[in-house]
Amino acid sequence: MADIRQIISALEGIFKIQLGDFYRVFLNIRIRQSSRTTFMDELKEKLIERMDETDLNGR
């Protein structure tokens, strides 16, 4: 199992970016009182909306 440092290092290499103080961001996400996965929750909602629209339009 990979730790957060290995995952971030791989993502930085793949996307050729520097994520900076990723561990602090990760800790802030972990202690959120509301949703810990805000971005992924929004992606899920948009995907479901898109599929529903496609179903209604018969595509």
PDB file of N, CA and C in Angstrom:
ATOM      1  N   MET A   1       0.842  -1.175   0.000  1.00  0.00           N
ATOM      2  CA  MET A   1       0.000   0.000   0.000  1.00  0.00           C
ATOM      3  C   MET A   1       0.891   1.244   0.000  1.00  0.00           C
ATOM      4  N   ALA A   2       0.562   2.200  -0.834  1.00  0.00           N
ATOM      5  CA  ALA A   2       1.351   3.425  -0.955  1.00  0.00           C
ATOM      6  C   ALA A   2       0.918   4.442   0.095  1.00  0.00           C
ATOM      7  N   ASP A   3       1.900   5.194   0.590  1.00  0.00           N
ATOM      8  CA  ASP A   3       1.538   6.265   1.510  1.00  0.00           C
ATOM      9  C   ASP A   3       1.292   7.551   0.718  1.00  0.00           C
ATOM     10  N   ILE A   4       0.804   8.579   1.396  1.00  0.00           N
ATOM     11  CA  ILE A   4       0.420   9.825   0.710  1.00  0.00           C
ATOM     12  C   ILE A   4       1.606  10.451  -0.017  1.00  0.00           C
ATOM     13  N   ARG A   5       2.793  10.349   0.559  1.00  0.00           N
ATOM     14  CA  ARG A   5       3.988  10.932  -0.075  1.00  0.00           C
ATOM     15  C   ARG A   5       4.284  10.263  -1.412  1.00  0.00           C
ATOM     16  N   GLN A   6       4.140   8.954  -1.483  1.00  0.00           N
ATOM     17  CA  GLN A   6       4.382   8.232  -2.733  1.00  0.00           C
ATOM     18  C   GLN A   6       3.345   8.586  -3.785  1.00  0.00           C
ATOM     19  N   ILE A   7       2.105   8.700  -3.365  1.00  0.00           N
ATOM     20  CA  ILE A   7       1.027   9.050  -4.297  1.00  0.00           C
ATOM     21  C   ILE A   7       1.250  10.446  -4.865  1.00  0.00           C
ATOM     22  N   ILE A   8       1.561  11.405  -3.991  1.00  0.00           N
ATOM     23  CA  ILE A   8       1.790  12.778  -4.432  1.00  0.00           C
ATOM     24  C   ILE A   8       2.999  12.848  -5.353  1.00  0.00           C
ATOM     25  N   SER A   9       4.060  12.150  -5.016  1.00  0.00           N
ATOM     26  CA  SER A   9       5.254  12.136  -5.850  1.00  0.00           C
ATOM     27  C   SER A   9       4.934  11.609  -7.251  1.00  0.00           C
ATOM     28  N   ALA A  10       4.158  10.553  -7.323  1.00  0.00           N
ATOM     29  CA  ALA A  10       3.766   9.993  -8.624  1.00  0.00           C
ATOM     30  C   ALA A  10       2.923  10.993  -9.411  1.00  0.00           C
ATOM     31  N   LEU A  11       1.967  11.631  -8.742  1.00  0.00           N
ATOM     32  CA  LEU A  11       1.116  12.609  -9.430  1.00  0.00           C
ATOM     33  C   LEU A  11       1.924  13.811  -9.919  1.00  0.00           C
ATOM     34  N   GLU A  12       2.880  14.264  -9.109  1.00  0.00           N
ATOM     35  CA  GLU A  12       3.733  15.373  -9.533  1.00  0.00           C
ATOM     36  C   GLU A  12       4.514  14.992 -10.784  1.00  0.00           C
ATOM     37  N   GLY A  13       5.010  13.777 -10.837  1.00  0.00           N
ATOM     38  CA  GLY A  13       5.753  13.324 -11.999  1.00  0.00           C
ATOM     39  C   GLY A  13       4.877  13.179 -13.230  1.00  0.00           C
ATOM     40  N   ILE A  14       3.704  12.613 -13.055  1.00  0.00           N
ATOM     41  CA  ILE A  14       2.788  12.401 -14.179  1.00  0.00           C
ATOM     42  C   ILE A  14       2.351  13.722 -14.796  1.00  0.00           C
ATOM     43  N   PHE A  15       1.957  14.675 -13.926  1.00  0.00           N
ATOM     44  CA  PHE A  15       1.422  15.948 -14.411  1.00  0.00           C
ATOM     45  C   PHE A  15       2.469  17.049 -14.507  1.00  0.00           C
ATOM     46  N   LYS A  16       3.717  16.731 -14.143  1.00  0.00           N
ATOM     47  CA  LYS A  16       4.823  17.683 -14.193  1.00  0.00           C
ATOM     48  C   LYS A  16       4.484  18.977 -13.464  1.00  0.00           C
ATOM     49  N   ILE A  17       4.059  18.816 -12.202  1.00  0.00           N
ATOM     50  CA  ILE A  17       3.700  19.944 -11.354  1.00  0.00           C
ATOM     51  C   ILE A  17       4.334  19.759  -9.976  1.00  0.00           C
ATOM     52  N   GLN A  18       4.380  20.820  -9.215  1.00  0.00           N
ATOM     53  CA  GLN A  18       4.806  20.760  -7.828  1.00  0.00           C
ATOM     54  C   GLN A  18       3.594  21.098  -6.963  1.00  0.00           C
ATOM     55  N   LEU A  19       3.238  20.234  -6.053  1.00  0.00           N
ATOM     56  CA  LEU A  19       2.056  20.439  -5.231  1.00  0.00           C
ATOM     57  C   LEU A  19       2.353  21.137  -3.910  1.00  0.00           C
ATOM     58  N   GLY A  20       3.596  21.398  -3.633  1.00  0.00           N
ATOM     59  CA  GLY A  20       3.945  22.151  -2.431  1.00  0.00           C
ATOM     60  C   GLY A  20       3.693  21.366  -1.152  1.00  0.00           C
ATOM     61  N   ASP A  21       3.111  22.035  -0.171  1.00  0.00           N
ATOM     62  CA  ASP A  21       2.895  21.448   1.154  1.00  0.00           C
ATOM     63  C   ASP A  21       1.652  20.559   1.140  1.00  0.00           C
ATOM     64  N   PHE A  22       1.746  19.457   0.428  1.00  0.00           N
ATOM     65  CA  PHE A  22       0.613  18.562   0.242  1.00  0.00           C
ATOM     66  C   PHE A  22       0.155  17.914   1.538  1.00  0.00           C
ATOM     67  N   TYR A  23       1.091  17.664   2.443  1.00  0.00           N
ATOM     68  CA  TYR A  23       0.708  16.986   3.675  1.00  0.00           C
ATOM     69  C   TYR A  23      -0.193  17.881   4.529  1.00  0.00           C
ATOM     70  N   ARG A  24       0.084  19.171   4.546  1.00  0.00           N
ATOM     71  CA  ARG A  24      -0.768  20.109   5.292  1.00  0.00           C
ATOM     72  C   ARG A  24      -2.178  20.146   4.689  1.00  0.00           C
ATOM     73  N   VAL A  25      -2.251  20.182   3.364  1.00  0.00           N
ATOM     74  CA  VAL A  25      -3.555  20.167   2.691  1.00  0.00           C
ATOM     75  C   VAL A  25      -4.295  18.880   3.030  1.00  0.00           C
ATOM     76  N   PHE A  26      -3.601  17.750   2.993  1.00  0.00           N
ATOM     77  CA  PHE A  26      -4.204  16.459   3.318  1.00  0.00           C
ATOM     78  C   PHE A  26      -4.747  16.461   4.745  1.00  0.00           C
ATOM     79  N   LEU A  27      -3.968  17.000   5.675  1.00  0.00           N
ATOM     80  CA  LEU A  27      -4.433  17.075   7.066  1.00  0.00           C
ATOM     81  C   LEU A  27      -5.671  17.954   7.189  1.00  0.00           C
ATOM     82  N   ASN A  28      -5.697  19.077   6.473  1.00  0.00           N
ATOM     83  CA  ASN A  28      -6.864  19.958   6.509  1.00  0.00           C
ATOM     84  C   ASN A  28      -8.107  19.260   5.961  1.00  0.00           C
ATOM     85  N   ILE A  29      -7.935  18.468   4.932  1.00  0.00           N
ATOM     86  CA  ILE A  29      -9.056  17.711   4.368  1.00  0.00           C
ATOM     87  C   ILE A  29      -9.552  16.689   5.395  1.00  0.00           C
ATOM     88  N   ARG A  30      -8.626  16.031   6.063  1.00  0.00           N
ATOM     89  CA  ARG A  30      -8.995  15.005   7.051  1.00  0.00           C
ATOM     90  C   ARG A  30      -9.811  15.562   8.204  1.00  0.00           C
ATOM     91  N   ILE A  31      -9.573  16.823   8.603  1.00  0.00           N
ATOM     92  CA  ILE A  31     -10.259  17.380   9.769  1.00  0.00           C
ATOM     93  C   ILE A  31     -11.488  18.203   9.412  1.00  0.00           C
ATOM     94  N   ARG A  32     -11.873  18.225   8.146  1.00  0.00           N
ATOM     95  CA  ARG A  32     -13.068  18.972   7.744  1.00  0.00           C
ATOM     96  C   ARG A  32     -14.286  18.472   8.510  1.00  0.00           C
ATOM     97  N   GLN A  33     -15.136  19.408   8.907  1.00  0.00           N
ATOM     98  CA  GLN A  33     -16.356  19.055   9.621  1.00  0.00           C
ATOM     99  C   GLN A  33     -17.459  18.628   8.657  1.00  0.00           C
ATOM    100  N   SER A  34     -17.501  19.243   7.494  1.00  0.00           N
ATOM    101  CA  SER A  34     -18.520  18.853   6.509  1.00  0.00           C
ATOM    102  C   SER A  34     -17.947  17.729   5.648  1.00  0.00           C
ATOM    103  N   SER A  35     -18.166  17.779   4.390  1.00  0.00           N
ATOM    104  CA  SER A  35     -17.707  16.716   3.498  1.00  0.00           C
ATOM    105  C   SER A  35     -16.189  16.741   3.321  1.00  0.00           C
ATOM    106  N   ARG A  36     -15.577  15.599   3.463  1.00  0.00           N
ATOM    107  CA  ARG A  36     -14.139  15.491   3.240  1.00  0.00           C
ATOM    108  C   ARG A  36     -13.830  15.388   1.750  1.00  0.00           C
ATOM    109  N   THR A  37     -14.832  15.071   0.962  1.00  0.00           N
ATOM    110  CA  THR A  37     -14.616  14.832  -0.474  1.00  0.00           C
ATOM    111  C   THR A  37     -15.445  15.785  -1.317  1.00  0.00           C
ATOM    112  N   THR A  38     -15.380  17.065  -1.008  1.00  0.00           N
ATOM    113  CA  THR A  38     -16.204  18.072  -1.678  1.00  0.00           C
ATOM    114  C   THR A  38     -16.075  18.007  -3.192  1.00  0.00           C
ATOM    115  N   PHE A  39     -14.847  17.987  -3.702  1.00  0.00           N
ATOM    116  CA  PHE A  39     -14.619  17.986  -5.145  1.00  0.00           C
ATOM    117  C   PHE A  39     -15.188  16.729  -5.795  1.00  0.00           C
ATOM    118  N   MET A  40     -14.929  15.580  -5.202  1.00  0.00           N
ATOM    119  CA  MET A  40     -15.441  14.334  -5.781  1.00  0.00           C
ATOM    120  C   MET A  40     -16.964  14.253  -5.683  1.00  0.00           C
ATOM    121  N   ASP A  41     -17.547  14.801  -4.618  1.00  0.00           N
ATOM    122  CA  ASP A  41     -19.002  14.840  -4.499  1.00  0.00           C
ATOM    123  C   ASP A  41     -19.608  15.660  -5.640  1.00  0.00           C
ATOM    124  N   GLU A  42     -18.970  16.796  -5.948  1.00  0.00           N
ATOM    125  CA  GLU A  42     -19.465  17.636  -7.037  1.00  0.00           C
ATOM    126  C   GLU A  42     -19.307  16.939  -8.387  1.00  0.00           C
ATOM    127  N   LEU A  43     -18.182  16.258  -8.590  1.00  0.00           N
ATOM    128  CA  LEU A  43     -17.996  15.498  -9.833  1.00  0.00           C
ATOM    129  C   LEU A  43     -19.079  14.440  -9.989  1.00  0.00           C
ATOM    130  N   LYS A  44     -19.396  13.758  -8.909  1.00  0.00           N
ATOM    131  CA  LYS A  44     -20.432  12.723  -8.948  1.00  0.00           C
ATOM    132  C   LYS A  44     -21.786  13.325  -9.326  1.00  0.00           C
ATOM    133  N   GLU A  45     -22.130  14.453  -8.703  1.00  0.00           N
ATOM    134  CA  GLU A  45     -23.406  15.109  -9.007  1.00  0.00           C
ATOM    135  C   GLU A  45     -23.490  15.487 -10.480  1.00  0.00           C
ATOM    136  N   LYS A  46     -22.401  16.069 -11.008  1.00  0.00           N
ATOM    137  CA  LYS A  46     -22.388  16.498 -12.413  1.00  0.00           C
ATOM    138  C   LYS A  46     -22.481  15.305 -13.354  1.00  0.00           C
ATOM    139  N   LEU A  47     -21.823  14.211 -13.014  1.00  0.00           N
ATOM    140  CA  LEU A  47     -21.896  13.013 -13.849  1.00  0.00           C
ATOM    141  C   LEU A  47     -23.313  12.465 -13.871  1.00  0.00           C
ATOM    142  N   ILE A  48     -23.956  12.402 -12.727  1.00  0.00           N
ATOM    143  CA  ILE A  48     -25.333  11.909 -12.655  1.00  0.00           C
ATOM    144  C   ILE A  48     -26.270  12.822 -13.441  1.00  0.00           C
ATOM    145  N   GLU A  49     -26.092  14.138 -13.301  1.00  0.00           N
ATOM    146  CA  GLU A  49     -26.912  15.085 -14.072  1.00  0.00           C
ATOM    147  C   GLU A  49     -26.741  14.843 -15.569  1.00  0.00           C
ATOM    148  N   ARG A  50     -25.498  14.666 -15.998  1.00  0.00           N
ATOM    149  CA  ARG A  50     -25.211  14.435 -17.418  1.00  0.00           C
ATOM    150  C   ARG A  50     -25.872  13.153 -17.914  1.00  0.00           C
ATOM    151  N   MET A  51     -25.785  12.093 -17.124  1.00  0.00           N
ATOM    152  CA  MET A  51     -26.412  10.832 -17.519  1.00  0.00           C
ATOM    153  C   MET A  51     -27.923  10.962 -17.578  1.00  0.00           C
ATOM    154  N   ASP A  52     -28.505  11.681 -16.617  1.00  0.00           N
ATOM    155  CA  ASP A  52     -29.961  11.898 -16.617  1.00  0.00           C
ATOM    156  C   ASP A  52     -30.388  12.693 -17.841  1.00  0.00           C
ATOM    157  N   GLU A  53     -29.618  13.738 -18.187  1.00  0.00           N
ATOM    158  CA  GLU A  53     -29.921  14.533 -19.389  1.00  0.00           C
ATOM    159  C   GLU A  53     -29.845  13.673 -20.644  1.00  0.00           C
ATOM    160  N   THR A  54     -28.832  12.838 -20.711  1.00  0.00           N
ATOM    161  CA  THR A  54     -28.660  11.953 -21.866  1.00  0.00           C
ATOM    162  C   THR A  54     -29.838  10.975 -21.963  1.00  0.00           C
ATOM    163  N   ASP A  55     -30.280  10.446 -20.832  1.00  0.00           N
ATOM    164  CA  ASP A  55     -31.417   9.531 -20.818  1.00  0.00           C
ATOM    165  C   ASP A  55     -32.678  10.230 -21.304  1.00  0.00           C
ATOM    166  N   LEU A  56     -32.875  11.475 -20.885  1.00  0.00           N
ATOM    167  CA  LEU A  56     -34.078  12.213 -21.286  1.00  0.00           C
ATOM    168  C   LEU A  56     -34.057  12.590 -22.751  1.00  0.00           C
ATOM    169  N   ASN A  57     -32.856  12.845 -23.285  1.00  0.00           N
ATOM    170  CA  ASN A  57     -32.734  13.261 -24.688  1.00  0.00           C
ATOM    171  C   ASN A  57     -32.624  12.081 -25.637  1.00  0.00           C
ATOM    172  N   GLY A  58     -32.558  10.890 -25.127  1.00  0.00           N
ATOM    173  CA  GLY A  58     -32.527   9.696 -25.967  1.00  0.00           C
ATOM    174  C   GLY A  58     -31.235   9.478 -26.701  1.00  0.00           C
ATOM    175  N   ARG A  59     -30.144  10.005 -26.197  1.00  0.00           N
ATOM    176  CA  ARG A  59     -28.861   9.837 -26.877  1.00  0.00           C
ATOM    177  C   ARG A  59     -28.133   8.640 -26.390  1.00  0.00           C
TER     178      ARG A  59
END
